[in-house]
Amino acid sequence: MSEEKLQQDIFIWFVNTYPNKRGLLYHNLNNPRNAIQGAKLKTLGLVSGVADMTLLHEGNAYFFELKTATGKQSKRQKEWEDQVTANKFYYKIIRSLDEFKREIDYIYSR
């Protein structure tokens, strides 16, 4: 399964399971399509390495980086993870829909 397909499955499951929380899980645009778009997005605040998705819940932000079963974080993704976890934010690498469901159960049960 591709990262894109995993993200689609996660998002569709989330909005169908938690329709009252629609808009609180969202995609972070961090992969420009070309150099021109990349340059423009950087002037708008694009940050290299940012997690793929963010969930907002009860005053907290939860960051999810989506990877295939064998996918690895880039150097910049690891640096960003270190930066946000050092600031006490939640960051998790997700490799399957079931793993994401478990994370949501954990977050919503706290």
PDB file of N, CA and C in Angstrom:
ATOM      1  N   MET A   1       0.848  -1.180   0.000  1.00  0.00           N
ATOM      2  CA  MET A   1       0.000   0.000   0.000  1.00  0.00           C
ATOM      3  C   MET A   1       0.893   1.242   0.000  1.00  0.00           C
ATOM      4  N   SER A   2       0.551   2.214  -0.808  1.00  0.00           N
ATOM      5  CA  SER A   2       1.313   3.458  -0.870  1.00  0.00           C
ATOM      6  C   SER A   2       0.961   4.348   0.325  1.00  0.00           C
ATOM      7  N   GLU A   3       1.834   5.300   0.614  1.00  0.00           N
ATOM      8  CA  GLU A   3       1.541   6.266   1.676  1.00  0.00           C
ATOM      9  C   GLU A   3       0.282   7.061   1.344  1.00  0.00           C
ATOM     10  N   GLU A   4       0.120   7.397   0.083  1.00  0.00           N
ATOM     11  CA  GLU A   4      -1.064   8.164  -0.329  1.00  0.00           C
ATOM     12  C   GLU A   4      -2.346   7.372  -0.060  1.00  0.00           C
ATOM     13  N   LYS A   5      -2.357   6.096  -0.409  1.00  0.00           N
ATOM     14  CA  LYS A   5      -3.533   5.240  -0.181  1.00  0.00           C
ATOM     15  C   LYS A   5      -3.791   5.082   1.311  1.00  0.00           C
ATOM     16  N   LEU A   6      -2.732   4.905   2.098  1.00  0.00           N
ATOM     17  CA  LEU A   6      -2.882   4.805   3.544  1.00  0.00           C
ATOM     18  C   LEU A   6      -3.526   6.075   4.097  1.00  0.00           C
ATOM     19  N   GLN A   7      -3.060   7.228   3.636  1.00  0.00           N
ATOM     20  CA  GLN A   7      -3.612   8.495   4.112  1.00  0.00           C
ATOM     21  C   GLN A   7      -5.080   8.625   3.722  1.00  0.00           C
ATOM     22  N   GLN A   8      -5.424   8.231   2.521  1.00  0.00           N
ATOM     23  CA  GLN A   8      -6.827   8.280   2.099  1.00  0.00           C
ATOM     24  C   GLN A   8      -7.693   7.385   2.985  1.00  0.00           C
ATOM     25  N   ASP A   9      -7.226   6.169   3.233  1.00  0.00           N
ATOM     26  CA  ASP A   9      -7.983   5.233   4.070  1.00  0.00           C
ATOM     27  C   ASP A   9      -8.165   5.785   5.481  1.00  0.00           C
ATOM     28  N   ILE A  10      -7.101   6.360   6.031  1.00  0.00           N
ATOM     29  CA  ILE A  10      -7.164   6.940   7.371  1.00  0.00           C
ATOM     30  C   ILE A  10      -8.169   8.087   7.419  1.00  0.00           C
ATOM     31  N   PHE A  11      -8.064   8.985   6.466  1.00  0.00           N
ATOM     32  CA  PHE A  11      -8.945  10.156   6.480  1.00  0.00           C
ATOM     33  C   PHE A  11     -10.404   9.745   6.310  1.00  0.00           C
ATOM     34  N   ILE A  12     -10.687   8.870   5.368  1.00  0.00           N
ATOM     35  CA  ILE A  12     -12.072   8.426   5.129  1.00  0.00           C
ATOM     36  C   ILE A  12     -12.622   7.720   6.362  1.00  0.00           C
ATOM     37  N   TRP A  13     -11.829   6.829   6.958  1.00  0.00           N
ATOM     38  CA  TRP A  13     -12.270   6.150   8.181  1.00  0.00           C
ATOM     39  C   TRP A  13     -12.576   7.168   9.282  1.00  0.00           C
ATOM     40  N   PHE A  14     -11.685   8.127   9.471  1.00  0.00           N
ATOM     41  CA  PHE A  14     -11.847   9.097  10.547  1.00  0.00           C
ATOM     42  C   PHE A  14     -13.113   9.930  10.365  1.00  0.00           C
ATOM     43  N   VAL A  15     -13.318  10.499   9.199  1.00  0.00           N
ATOM     44  CA  VAL A  15     -14.497  11.372   9.021  1.00  0.00           C
ATOM     45  C   VAL A  15     -15.796  10.578   9.065  1.00  0.00           C
ATOM     46  N   ASN A  16     -15.756   9.313   8.684  1.00  0.00           N
ATOM     47  CA  ASN A  16     -16.960   8.483   8.771  1.00  0.00           C
ATOM     48  C   ASN A  16     -17.210   7.992  10.194  1.00  0.00           C
ATOM     49  N   THR A  17     -16.155   7.766  10.947  1.00  0.00           N
ATOM     50  CA  THR A  17     -16.291   7.273  12.320  1.00  0.00           C
ATOM     51  C   THR A  17     -16.568   8.402  13.300  1.00  0.00           C
ATOM     52  N   TYR A  18     -15.988   9.558  13.036  1.00  0.00           N
ATOM     53  CA  TYR A  18     -16.137  10.719  13.927  1.00  0.00           C
ATOM     54  C   TYR A  18     -16.613  11.939  13.140  1.00  0.00           C
ATOM     55  N   PRO A  19     -17.827  11.893  12.599  1.00  0.00           N
ATOM     56  CA  PRO A  19     -18.298  13.018  11.788  1.00  0.00           C
ATOM     57  C   PRO A  19     -18.366  14.329  12.573  1.00  0.00           C
ATOM     58  N   ASN A  20     -18.547  14.264  13.876  1.00  0.00           N
ATOM     59  CA  ASN A  20     -18.604  15.473  14.693  1.00  0.00           C
ATOM     60  C   ASN A  20     -17.216  16.085  14.911  1.00  0.00           C
ATOM     61  N   LYS A  21     -16.170  15.399  14.499  1.00  0.00           N
ATOM     62  CA  LYS A  21     -14.804  15.909  14.642  1.00  0.00           C
ATOM     63  C   LYS A  21     -14.190  16.264  13.285  1.00  0.00           C
ATOM     64  N   ARG A  22     -15.041  16.337  12.274  1.00  0.00           N
ATOM     65  CA  ARG A  22     -14.571  16.688  10.939  1.00  0.00           C
ATOM     66  C   ARG A  22     -13.839  18.025  10.961  1.00  0.00           C
ATOM     67  N   GLY A  23     -12.696  18.065  10.328  1.00  0.00           N
ATOM     68  CA  GLY A  23     -11.880  19.269  10.289  1.00  0.00           C
ATOM     69  C   GLY A  23     -10.788  19.291  11.345  1.00  0.00           C
ATOM     70  N   LEU A  24     -10.855  18.369  12.321  1.00  0.00           N
ATOM     71  CA  LEU A  24      -9.835  18.328  13.368  1.00  0.00           C
ATOM     72  C   LEU A  24      -8.666  17.399  13.014  1.00  0.00           C
ATOM     73  N   LEU A  25      -8.838  16.581  11.994  1.00  0.00           N
ATOM     74  CA  LEU A  25      -7.739  15.802  11.420  1.00  0.00           C
ATOM     75  C   LEU A  25      -7.528  16.346  10.024  1.00  0.00           C
ATOM     76  N   TYR A  26      -6.303  16.750   9.733  1.00  0.00           N
ATOM     77  CA  TYR A  26      -6.069  17.335   8.416  1.00  0.00           C
ATOM     78  C   TYR A  26      -4.674  17.015   7.901  1.00  0.00           C
ATOM     79  N   HIS A  27      -4.551  17.140   6.605  1.00  0.00           N
ATOM     80  CA  HIS A  27      -3.313  16.903   5.868  1.00  0.00           C
ATOM     81  C   HIS A  27      -2.450  18.155   5.887  1.00  0.00           C
ATOM     82  N   ASN A  28      -1.169  17.965   6.108  1.00  0.00           N
ATOM     83  CA  ASN A  28      -0.213  19.068   6.031  1.00  0.00           C
ATOM     84  C   ASN A  28       0.453  19.018   4.666  1.00  0.00           C
ATOM     85  N   LEU A  29       0.205  20.010   3.851  1.00  0.00           N
ATOM     86  CA  LEU A  29       0.790  20.065   2.512  1.00  0.00           C
ATOM     87  C   LEU A  29       2.292  20.288   2.654  1.00  0.00           C
ATOM     88  N   ASN A  30       3.063  19.239   2.419  1.00  0.00           N
ATOM     89  CA  ASN A  30       4.502  19.359   2.589  1.00  0.00           C
ATOM     90  C   ASN A  30       5.293  18.713   1.457  1.00  0.00           C
ATOM     91  N   ASN A  31       4.626  18.440   0.351  1.00  0.00           N
ATOM     92  CA  ASN A  31       5.290  17.841  -0.808  1.00  0.00           C
ATOM     93  C   ASN A  31       4.939  18.621  -2.068  1.00  0.00           C
ATOM     94  N   PRO A  32       5.671  19.691  -2.341  1.00  0.00           N
ATOM     95  CA  PRO A  32       5.365  20.463  -3.552  1.00  0.00           C
ATOM     96  C   PRO A  32       5.540  19.619  -4.802  1.00  0.00           C
ATOM     97  N   ARG A  33       4.765  19.919  -5.815  1.00  0.00           N
ATOM     98  CA  ARG A  33       4.784  19.157  -7.067  1.00  0.00           C
ATOM     99  C   ARG A  33       5.987  19.484  -7.955  1.00  0.00           C
ATOM    100  N   ASN A  34       6.512  20.701  -7.812  1.00  0.00           N
ATOM    101  CA  ASN A  34       7.660  21.099  -8.629  1.00  0.00           C
ATOM    102  C   ASN A  34       8.394  22.240  -7.928  1.00  0.00           C
ATOM    103  N   ALA A  35       9.514  22.646  -8.486  1.00  0.00           N
ATOM    104  CA  ALA A  35      10.355  23.677  -7.856  1.00  0.00           C
ATOM    105  C   ALA A  35       9.647  25.023  -7.751  1.00  0.00           C
ATOM    106  N   ILE A  36       8.863  25.375  -8.757  1.00  0.00           N
ATOM    107  CA  ILE A  36       8.158  26.660  -8.723  1.00  0.00           C
ATOM    108  C   ILE A  36       7.129  26.662  -7.595  1.00  0.00           C
ATOM    109  N   GLN A  37       6.331  25.589  -7.518  1.00  0.00           N
ATOM    110  CA  GLN A  37       5.357  25.502  -6.437  1.00  0.00           C
ATOM    111  C   GLN A  37       6.073  25.455  -5.085  1.00  0.00           C
ATOM    112  N   GLY A  38       7.175  24.731  -5.007  1.00  0.00           N
ATOM    113  CA  GLY A  38       7.946  24.643  -3.771  1.00  0.00           C
ATOM    114  C   GLY A  38       8.436  25.996  -3.303  1.00  0.00           C
ATOM    115  N   ALA A  39       8.965  26.796  -4.227  1.00  0.00           N
ATOM    116  CA  ALA A  39       9.453  28.127  -3.876  1.00  0.00           C
ATOM    117  C   ALA A  39       8.312  29.000  -3.366  1.00  0.00           C
ATOM    118  N   LYS A  40       7.166  28.934  -4.028  1.00  0.00           N
ATOM    119  CA  LYS A  40       6.014  29.721  -3.595  1.00  0.00           C
ATOM    120  C   LYS A  40       5.533  29.260  -2.228  1.00  0.00           C
ATOM    121  N   LEU A  41       5.416  27.951  -2.034  1.00  0.00           N
ATOM    122  CA  LEU A  41       4.931  27.433  -0.761  1.00  0.00           C
ATOM    123  C   LEU A  41       5.863  27.780   0.398  1.00  0.00           C
ATOM    124  N   LYS A  42       7.159  27.834   0.132  1.00  0.00           N
ATOM    125  CA  LYS A  42       8.108  28.217   1.194  1.00  0.00           C
ATOM    126  C   LYS A  42       7.844  29.638   1.659  1.00  0.00           C
ATOM    127  N   THR A  43       7.456  30.523   0.748  1.00  0.00           N
ATOM    128  CA  THR A  43       7.147  31.898   1.152  1.00  0.00           C
ATOM    129  C   THR A  43       5.831  31.974   1.925  1.00  0.00           C
ATOM    130  N   LEU A  44       5.027  30.908   1.828  1.00  0.00           N
ATOM    131  CA  LEU A  44       3.749  30.851   2.550  1.00  0.00           C
ATOM    132  C   LEU A  44       3.856  30.075   3.858  1.00  0.00           C
ATOM    133  N   GLY A  45       5.061  29.556   4.166  1.00  0.00           N
ATOM    134  CA  GLY A  45       5.255  28.863   5.439  1.00  0.00           C
ATOM    135  C   GLY A  45       5.516  27.377   5.350  1.00  0.00           C
ATOM    136  N   LEU A  46       5.739  26.838   4.161  1.00  0.00           N
ATOM    137  CA  LEU A  46       6.069  25.424   4.024  1.00  0.00           C
ATOM    138  C   LEU A  46       7.306  25.104   4.850  1.00  0.00           C
ATOM    139  N   VAL A  47       7.225  24.046   5.652  1.00  0.00           N
ATOM    140  CA  VAL A  47       8.336  23.615   6.480  1.00  0.00           C
ATOM    141  C   VAL A  47       8.702  22.191   6.098  1.00  0.00           C
ATOM    142  N   SER A  48       9.916  21.985   5.723  1.00  0.00           N
ATOM    143  CA  SER A  48      10.402  20.671   5.341  1.00  0.00           C
ATOM    144  C   SER A  48      10.359  19.716   6.528  1.00  0.00           C
ATOM    145  N   GLY A  49       9.909  18.489   6.291  1.00  0.00           N
ATOM    146  CA  GLY A  49       9.930  17.458   7.318  1.00  0.00           C
ATOM    147  C   GLY A  49       8.687  17.364   8.176  1.00  0.00           C
ATOM    148  N   VAL A  50       7.746  18.294   8.022  1.00  0.00           N
ATOM    149  CA  VAL A  50       6.530  18.296   8.836  1.00  0.00           C
ATOM    150  C   VAL A  50       5.759  16.992   8.617  1.00  0.00           C
ATOM    151  N   ALA A  51       5.138  16.503   9.677  1.00  0.00           N
ATOM    152  CA  ALA A  51       4.356  15.266   9.606  1.00  0.00           C
ATOM    153  C   ALA A  51       3.226  15.389   8.582  1.00  0.00           C
ATOM    154  N   ASP A  52       2.774  14.248   8.094  1.00  0.00           N
ATOM    155  CA  ASP A  52       1.744  14.217   7.055  1.00  0.00           C
ATOM    156  C   ASP A  52       0.382  14.715   7.537  1.00  0.00           C
ATOM    157  N   MET A  53       0.014  14.360   8.777  1.00  0.00           N
ATOM    158  CA  MET A  53      -1.310  14.717   9.275  1.00  0.00           C
ATOM    159  C   MET A  53      -1.215  15.236  10.702  1.00  0.00           C
ATOM    160  N   THR A  54      -2.165  16.098  11.039  1.00  0.00           N
ATOM    161  CA  THR A  54      -2.283  16.634  12.387  1.00  0.00           C
ATOM    162  C   THR A  54      -3.705  16.389  12.875  1.00  0.00           C
ATOM    163  N   LEU A  55      -3.812  15.995  14.136  1.00  0.00           N
ATOM    164  CA  LEU A  55      -5.102  15.856  14.805  1.00  0.00           C
ATOM    165  C   LEU A  55      -5.123  16.842  15.962  1.00  0.00           C
ATOM    166  N   LEU A  56      -6.185  17.613  16.051  1.00  0.00           N
ATOM    167  CA  LEU A  56      -6.381  18.529  17.169  1.00  0.00           C
ATOM    168  C   LEU A  56      -7.417  17.919  18.102  1.00  0.00           C
ATOM    169  N   HIS A  57      -7.075  17.877  19.402  1.00  0.00           N
ATOM    170  CA  HIS A  57      -7.993  17.269  20.369  1.00  0.00           C
ATOM    171  C   HIS A  57      -7.733  17.828  21.754  1.00  0.00           C
ATOM    172  N   GLU A  58      -8.758  18.427  22.333  1.00  0.00           N
ATOM    173  CA  GLU A  58      -8.731  18.928  23.707  1.00  0.00           C
ATOM    174  C   GLU A  58      -7.481  19.756  24.022  1.00  0.00           C
ATOM    175  N   GLY A  59      -7.186  20.703  23.157  1.00  0.00           N
ATOM    176  CA  GLY A  59      -6.075  21.623  23.391  1.00  0.00           C
ATOM    177  C   GLY A  59      -4.704  21.070  23.054  1.00  0.00           C
ATOM    178  N   ASN A  60      -4.656  19.918  22.434  1.00  0.00           N
ATOM    179  CA  ASN A  60      -3.385  19.298  22.061  1.00  0.00           C
ATOM    180  C   ASN A  60      -3.325  19.059  20.561  1.00  0.00           C
ATOM    181  N   ALA A  61      -2.097  19.000  20.051  1.00  0.00           N
ATOM    182  CA  ALA A  61      -1.863  18.653  18.645  1.00  0.00           C
ATOM    183  C   ALA A  61      -1.119  17.330  18.602  1.00  0.00           C
ATOM    184  N   TYR A  62      -1.595  16.439  17.750  1.00  0.00           N
ATOM    185  CA  TYR A  62      -1.008  15.113  17.568  1.00  0.00           C
ATOM    186  C   TYR A  62      -0.544  15.011  16.121  1.00  0.00           C
ATOM    187  N   PHE A  63       0.705  14.635  15.933  1.00  0.00           N
ATOM    188  CA  PHE A  63       1.288  14.586  14.588  1.00  0.00           C
ATOM    189  C   PHE A  63       1.509  13.142  14.160  1.00  0.00           C
ATOM    190  N   PHE A  64       1.109  12.843  12.918  1.00  0.00           N
ATOM    191  CA  PHE A  64       1.243  11.500  12.377  1.00  0.00           C
ATOM    192  C   PHE A  64       2.032  11.531  11.074  1.00  0.00           C
ATOM    193  N   GLU A  65       3.092  10.784  11.033  1.00  0.00           N
ATOM    194  CA  GLU A  65       3.879  10.593   9.813  1.00  0.00           C
ATOM    195  C   GLU A  65       3.494   9.236   9.263  1.00  0.00           C
ATOM    196  N   LEU A  66       3.052   9.210   8.019  1.00  0.00           N
ATOM    197  CA  LEU A  66       2.591   7.966   7.396  1.00  0.00           C
ATOM    198  C   LEU A  66       3.699   7.361   6.551  1.00  0.00           C
ATOM    199  N   LYS A  67       3.911   6.071   6.766  1.00  0.00           N
ATOM    200  CA  LYS A  67       4.959   5.352   6.041  1.00  0.00           C
ATOM    201  C   LYS A  67       4.444   3.992   5.617  1.00  0.00           C
ATOM    202  N   THR A  68       4.983   3.495   4.515  1.00  0.00           N
ATOM    203  CA  THR A  68       4.695   2.124   4.107  1.00  0.00           C
ATOM    204  C   THR A  68       5.362   1.183   5.109  1.00  0.00           C
ATOM    205  N   ALA A  69       5.131  -0.109   4.946  1.00  0.00           N
ATOM    206  CA  ALA A  69       5.710  -1.098   5.857  1.00  0.00           C
ATOM    207  C   ALA A  69       7.226  -0.999   5.911  1.00  0.00           C
ATOM    208  N   THR A  70       7.842  -0.606   4.811  1.00  0.00           N
ATOM    209  CA  THR A  70       9.311  -0.537   4.768  1.00  0.00           C
ATOM    210  C   THR A  70       9.829   0.898   4.656  1.00  0.00           C
ATOM    211  N   GLY A  71       8.929   1.875   4.669  1.00  0.00           N
ATOM    212  CA  GLY A  71       9.324   3.269   4.501  1.00  0.00           C
ATOM    213  C   GLY A  71      10.135   3.787   5.677  1.00  0.00           C
ATOM    214  N   LYS A  72      11.028   4.710   5.388  1.00  0.00           N
ATOM    215  CA  LYS A  72      11.879   5.308   6.411  1.00  0.00           C
ATOM    216  C   LYS A  72      11.750   6.831   6.380  1.00  0.00           C
ATOM    217  N   GLN A  73      11.918   7.446   7.531  1.00  0.00           N
ATOM    218  CA  GLN A  73      11.897   8.898   7.610  1.00  0.00           C
ATOM    219  C   GLN A  73      13.150   9.471   6.949  1.00  0.00           C
ATOM    220  N   SER A  74      12.967  10.635   6.360  1.00  0.00           N
ATOM    221  CA  SER A  74      14.120  11.375   5.850  1.00  0.00           C
ATOM    222  C   SER A  74      14.850  12.013   7.030  1.00  0.00           C
ATOM    223  N   LYS A  75      16.037  12.504   6.768  1.00  0.00           N
ATOM    224  CA  LYS A  75      16.810  13.197   7.803  1.00  0.00           C
ATOM    225  C   LYS A  75      16.008  14.376   8.353  1.00  0.00           C
ATOM    226  N   ARG A  76      15.399  15.144   7.468  1.00  0.00           N
ATOM    227  CA  ARG A  76      14.634  16.318   7.895  1.00  0.00           C
ATOM    228  C   ARG A  76      13.396  15.923   8.701  1.00  0.00           C
ATOM    229  N   GLN A  77      12.747  14.817   8.341  1.00  0.00           N
ATOM    230  CA  GLN A  77      11.594  14.341   9.110  1.00  0.00           C
ATOM    231  C   GLN A  77      12.012  13.949  10.529  1.00  0.00           C
ATOM    232  N   LYS A  78      13.157  13.312  10.652  1.00  0.00           N
ATOM    233  CA  LYS A  78      13.661  12.941  11.982  1.00  0.00           C
ATOM    234  C   LYS A  78      13.978  14.192  12.803  1.00  0.00           C
ATOM    235  N   GLU A  79      14.559  15.184  12.153  1.00  0.00           N
ATOM    236  CA  GLU A  79      14.868  16.439  12.852  1.00  0.00           C
ATOM    237  C   GLU A  79      13.590  17.126  13.333  1.00  0.00           C
ATOM    238  N   TRP A  80      12.560  17.141  12.480  1.00  0.00           N
ATOM    239  CA  TRP A  80      11.299  17.772  12.857  1.00  0.00           C
ATOM    240  C   TRP A  80      10.637  17.002  13.998  1.00  0.00           C
ATOM    241  N   GLU A  81      10.673  15.671  13.936  1.00  0.00           N
ATOM    242  CA  GLU A  81      10.142  14.852  15.025  1.00  0.00           C
ATOM    243  C   GLU A  81      10.849  15.208  16.339  1.00  0.00           C
ATOM    244  N   ASP A  82      12.173  15.292  16.304  1.00  0.00           N
ATOM    245  CA  ASP A  82      12.933  15.649  17.510  1.00  0.00           C
ATOM    246  C   ASP A  82      12.517  17.022  18.034  1.00  0.00           C
ATOM    247  N   GLN A  83      12.311  17.947  17.125  1.00  0.00           N
ATOM    248  CA  GLN A  83      11.933  19.310  17.512  1.00  0.00           C
ATOM    249  C   GLN A  83      10.565  19.336  18.194  1.00  0.00           C
ATOM    250  N   VAL A  84       9.586  18.663  17.621  1.00  0.00           N
ATOM    251  CA  VAL A  84       8.242  18.726  18.208  1.00  0.00           C
ATOM    252  C   VAL A  84       8.134  17.892  19.477  1.00  0.00           C
ATOM    253  N   THR A  85       8.808  16.753  19.543  1.00  0.00           N
ATOM    254  CA  THR A  85       8.742  15.956  20.767  1.00  0.00           C
ATOM    255  C   THR A  85       9.500  16.640  21.905  1.00  0.00           C
ATOM    256  N   ALA A  86      10.557  17.371  21.580  1.00  0.00           N
ATOM    257  CA  ALA A  86      11.268  18.141  22.606  1.00  0.00           C
ATOM    258  C   ALA A  86      10.370  19.237  23.185  1.00  0.00           C
ATOM    259  N   ASN A  87       9.362  19.637  22.416  1.00  0.00           N
ATOM    260  CA  ASN A  87       8.406  20.632  22.875  1.00  0.00           C
ATOM    261  C   ASN A  87       7.121  19.995  23.399  1.00  0.00           C
ATOM    262  N   LYS A  88       7.217  18.704  23.720  1.00  0.00           N
ATOM    263  CA  LYS A  88       6.142  17.948  24.396  1.00  0.00           C
ATOM    264  C   LYS A  88       4.919  17.656  23.525  1.00  0.00           C
ATOM    265  N   PHE A  89       5.087  17.666  22.208  1.00  0.00           N
ATOM    266  CA  PHE A  89       3.997  17.276  21.321  1.00  0.00           C
ATOM    267  C   PHE A  89       4.077  15.787  21.021  1.00  0.00           C
ATOM    268  N   TYR A  90       2.951  15.219  20.676  1.00  0.00           N
ATOM    269  CA  TYR A  90       2.811  13.800  20.361  1.00  0.00           C
ATOM    270  C   TYR A  90       3.130  13.585  18.883  1.00  0.00           C
ATOM    271  N   TYR A  91       3.982  12.619  18.594  1.00  0.00           N
ATOM    272  CA  TYR A  91       4.392  12.326  17.218  1.00  0.00           C
ATOM    273  C   TYR A  91       4.446  10.820  17.077  1.00  0.00           C
ATOM    274  N   LYS A  92       3.835  10.304  16.032  1.00  0.00           N
ATOM    275  CA  LYS A  92       3.799   8.853  15.837  1.00  0.00           C
ATOM    276  C   LYS A  92       3.923   8.521  14.356  1.00  0.00           C
ATOM    277  N   ILE A  93       4.737   7.533  14.058  1.00  0.00           N
ATOM    278  CA  ILE A  93       4.806   6.992  12.695  1.00  0.00           C
ATOM    279  C   ILE A  93       3.723   5.930  12.584  1.00  0.00           C
ATOM    280  N   ILE A  94       2.926   6.030  11.542  1.00  0.00           N
ATOM    281  CA  ILE A  94       1.798   5.124  11.316  1.00  0.00           C
ATOM    282  C   ILE A  94       2.042   4.351  10.029  1.00  0.00           C
ATOM    283  N   ARG A  95       1.872   3.028  10.097  1.00  0.00           N
ATOM    284  CA  ARG A  95       2.112   2.173   8.938  1.00  0.00           C
ATOM    285  C   ARG A  95       0.867   1.414   8.460  1.00  0.00           C
ATOM    286  N   SER A  96      -0.248   1.548   9.165  1.00  0.00           N
ATOM    287  CA  SER A  96      -1.474   0.856   8.745  1.00  0.00           C
ATOM    288  C   SER A  96      -2.689   1.568   9.325  1.00  0.00           C
ATOM    289  N   LEU A  97      -3.829   1.300   8.732  1.00  0.00           N
ATOM    290  CA  LEU A  97      -5.086   1.853   9.230  1.00  0.00           C
ATOM    291  C   LEU A  97      -5.361   1.329  10.633  1.00  0.00           C
ATOM    292  N   ASP A  98      -5.128   0.044  10.872  1.00  0.00           N
ATOM    293  CA  ASP A  98      -5.367  -0.514  12.201  1.00  0.00           C
ATOM    294  C   ASP A  98      -4.504   0.162  13.259  1.00  0.00           C
ATOM    295  N   GLU A  99      -3.262   0.462  12.918  1.00  0.00           N
ATOM    296  CA  GLU A  99      -2.388   1.155  13.857  1.00  0.00           C
ATOM    297  C   GLU A  99      -2.939   2.553  14.166  1.00  0.00           C
ATOM    298  N   PHE A 100      -3.420   3.238  13.136  1.00  0.00           N
ATOM    299  CA  PHE A 100      -4.012   4.563  13.350  1.00  0.00           C
ATOM    300  C   PHE A 100      -5.246   4.467  14.247  1.00  0.00           C
ATOM    301  N   LYS A 101      -6.092   3.477  14.007  1.00  0.00           N
ATOM    302  CA  LYS A 101      -7.284   3.292  14.840  1.00  0.00           C
ATOM    303  C   LYS A 101      -6.901   3.104  16.306  1.00  0.00           C
ATOM    304  N   ARG A 102      -5.859   2.319  16.571  1.00  0.00           N
ATOM    305  CA  ARG A 102      -5.401   2.123  17.951  1.00  0.00           C
ATOM    306  C   ARG A 102      -4.920   3.433  18.567  1.00  0.00           C
ATOM    307  N   GLU A 103      -4.227   4.240  17.778  1.00  0.00           N
ATOM    308  CA  GLU A 103      -3.755   5.539  18.277  1.00  0.00           C
ATOM    309  C   GLU A 103      -4.925   6.457  18.609  1.00  0.00           C
ATOM    310  N   ILE A 104      -5.932   6.473  17.772  1.00  0.00           N
ATOM    311  CA  ILE A 104      -7.110   7.305  18.020  1.00  0.00           C
ATOM    312  C   ILE A 104      -7.828   6.816  19.276  1.00  0.00           C
ATOM    313  N   ASP A 105      -7.973   5.501  19.421  1.00  0.00           N
ATOM    314  CA  ASP A 105      -8.586   4.961  20.643  1.00  0.00           C
ATOM    315  C   ASP A 105      -7.812   5.406  21.875  1.00  0.00           C
ATOM    316  N   TYR A 106      -6.485   5.363  21.794  1.00  0.00           N
ATOM    317  CA  TYR A 106      -5.639   5.774  22.913  1.00  0.00           C
ATOM    318  C   TYR A 106      -5.817   7.270  23.213  1.00  0.00           C
ATOM    319  N   ILE A 107      -5.769   8.085  22.178  1.00  0.00           N
ATOM    320  CA  ILE A 107      -5.888   9.539  22.356  1.00  0.00           C
ATOM    321  C   ILE A 107      -7.249   9.908  22.920  1.00  0.00           C
ATOM    322  N   TYR A 108      -8.304   9.326  22.383  1.00  0.00           N
ATOM    323  CA  TYR A 108      -9.650   9.682  22.817  1.00  0.00           C
ATOM    324  C   TYR A 108     -10.019   9.081  24.164  1.00  0.00           C
ATOM    325  N   SER A 109      -9.250   8.128  24.660  1.00  0.00           N
ATOM    326  CA  SER A 109      -9.553   7.524  25.958  1.00  0.00           C
ATOM    327  C   SER A 109      -8.771   8.172  27.100  1.00  0.00           C
ATOM    328  N   ARG A 110      -7.882   9.106  26.785  1.00  0.00           N
ATOM    329  CA  ARG A 110      -7.048   9.743  27.815  1.00  0.00           C
ATOM    330  C   ARG A 110      -7.838  10.697  28.659  1.00  0.00           C
TER     331      ARG A 110
END
